[in-house]
Protein backbone atom coordinates (compact mmCIF):
# COMPACT_ATOMS: atom_id res chain seq x y z
CA PRO A 1 6.99 1.79 -18.20
CA TYR A 2 8.24 2.87 -14.76
CA THR A 3 5.12 4.90 -14.08
CA LEU A 4 2.84 2.02 -15.03
CA ALA A 5 4.91 -0.49 -13.03
CA GLY A 6 4.73 1.88 -10.06
CA ALA A 7 0.97 2.16 -10.49
CA MET A 8 0.66 -1.64 -10.41
CA VAL A 9 2.66 -1.78 -7.18
CA HIS A 10 0.59 1.05 -5.70
CA ALA A 11 -2.65 -0.80 -6.50
CA VAL A 12 -1.35 -3.93 -4.76
CA LEU A 13 -0.43 -1.85 -1.70
CA LEU A 14 -3.91 -0.31 -1.66
CA ALA A 15 -5.43 -3.81 -1.74
CA ASP A 16 -3.14 -4.86 1.11
CA ARG A 17 -4.57 -1.95 3.13
CA ASP A 18 -8.09 -3.18 2.33
CA ASP A 19 -8.79 -0.17 0.12
CA LEU A 20 -10.18 -2.49 -2.55
CA GLY A 21 -12.22 0.12 -4.39
CA ALA A 22 -9.22 2.38 -4.94
CA SER A 23 -7.06 -0.61 -5.84
CA ALA A 24 -9.54 -1.84 -8.47
CA GLU A 25 -9.90 1.65 -9.92
CA LEU A 26 -6.12 2.11 -10.20
CA ASP A 27 -5.62 -1.37 -11.68
CA GLU A 28 -8.36 -0.71 -14.21
CA ARG A 29 -6.75 2.55 -15.36
CA THR A 30 -3.29 0.95 -15.40
CA ALA A 31 -4.46 -2.09 -17.37
CA ALA A 32 -6.14 0.21 -19.89
CA ALA A 33 -2.95 2.25 -20.29
CA LEU A 34 -0.83 -0.88 -20.64
CA GLY A 35 -3.28 -2.19 -23.23
CA ASP A 36 -3.07 1.06 -25.19
CA ILE A 37 0.74 1.04 -25.16
CA TYR A 38 1.64 -2.65 -25.42
CA GLY A 39 -1.59 -4.22 -26.60
CA PRO A 40 -4.19 -6.32 -24.80
CA ASP A 41 -2.20 -9.58 -25.02
CA HIS A 42 1.12 -8.28 -23.69
CA PRO A 43 2.29 -10.07 -20.51
CA ASP A 44 2.38 -6.82 -18.49
CA THR A 45 -1.19 -6.00 -19.52
CA LEU A 46 -2.29 -9.51 -18.60
CA ARG A 47 -0.49 -9.34 -15.23
CA CYS A 48 -2.23 -6.12 -14.33
CA ARG A 49 -5.60 -7.51 -15.42
CA GLY A 50 -4.86 -10.55 -13.22
CA ASN A 51 -4.38 -8.28 -10.21
CA LEU A 52 -7.59 -6.46 -11.08
CA LEU A 53 -9.54 -9.72 -11.23
CA LEU A 54 -8.17 -10.82 -7.85
CA THR A 55 -9.33 -7.53 -6.35
CA ARG A 56 -12.72 -7.80 -8.04
CA ARG A 57 -13.12 -11.28 -6.57
CA LEU A 58 -12.48 -9.82 -3.11
CA LEU A 59 -15.10 -7.19 -3.87
CA GLY A 60 -17.59 -9.99 -4.48
CA GLU A 61 -17.92 -9.86 -8.26
CA GLU A 62 -19.23 -13.24 -9.29
CA SER A 63 -17.62 -13.32 -12.75
CA ALA A 64 -14.12 -12.50 -11.48
CA ALA A 65 -13.13 -16.11 -10.73
CA ALA A 66 -14.09 -17.39 -14.19
CA ASP A 67 -12.50 -14.36 -15.85
CA ARG A 68 -9.30 -15.01 -13.89
CA GLU A 69 -9.17 -18.62 -15.09
CA ALA A 70 -9.53 -17.44 -18.69
CA LEU A 71 -6.79 -14.86 -18.13
CA ILE A 72 -4.49 -17.51 -16.60
CA ALA A 73 -5.02 -19.69 -19.68
CA GLN A 74 -4.21 -16.74 -21.95
CA LEU A 75 -1.12 -15.83 -19.94
CA SER A 76 0.00 -19.49 -19.93
CA ALA A 77 -0.26 -19.55 -23.71
CA THR A 78 1.74 -16.33 -23.94
CA ILE A 79 4.61 -16.92 -21.48
CA GLY A 80 4.32 -20.64 -20.68
CA ALA A 81 2.33 -22.55 -18.10
CA GLY A 82 5.44 -23.11 -15.94
CA HIS A 83 6.29 -19.41 -15.64
CA PRO A 84 6.34 -18.18 -12.01
CA THR A 85 3.83 -15.43 -12.85
CA VAL A 86 1.26 -18.06 -13.79
CA GLY A 87 1.85 -19.91 -10.52
CA VAL A 88 1.40 -16.74 -8.47
CA LEU A 89 -1.94 -15.99 -10.12
CA ARG A 90 -3.09 -19.60 -9.76
CA ALA A 91 -2.31 -19.35 -6.04
CA GLY A 92 -4.54 -16.27 -5.80
CA ARG A 93 -1.77 -13.82 -5.01
CA CYS A 94 -1.26 -10.42 -6.60
CA LEU A 95 1.71 -9.77 -8.82
CA VAL A 96 4.14 -7.02 -7.91
CA ARG A 97 6.28 -5.93 -10.81
CA ALA A 98 9.84 -5.26 -9.73
CA LEU A 99 11.19 -1.94 -10.85
CA ASP A 100 14.60 -2.02 -12.49
CA PRO A 101 17.13 0.37 -10.99
CA GLN A 102 17.52 3.69 -12.75
CA PRO A 103 20.65 3.96 -14.91
CA PHE A 104 22.06 7.02 -13.15
């Protein structure tokens, strides 16, 4: 989980540097790995897919906005419409998953 969380953060940092292609590629691989481990409907998988859709929108993909709205509805049903994660995605901002401190 730490590696995948770190990959999500790295993808957001790449997008912040305007390296959108690399960000989208990393988010795509990370979302696929999260989906394989946790399943496609797990909140972490959905969060990563949300970041990917935001990046794809910046890359000019026409379907990204509609896909993001569908993902927000799915995430709202999973964790609740009032959850801060849902608000961040609705505002069009990427999600950065905080890494818990190591136990040593």
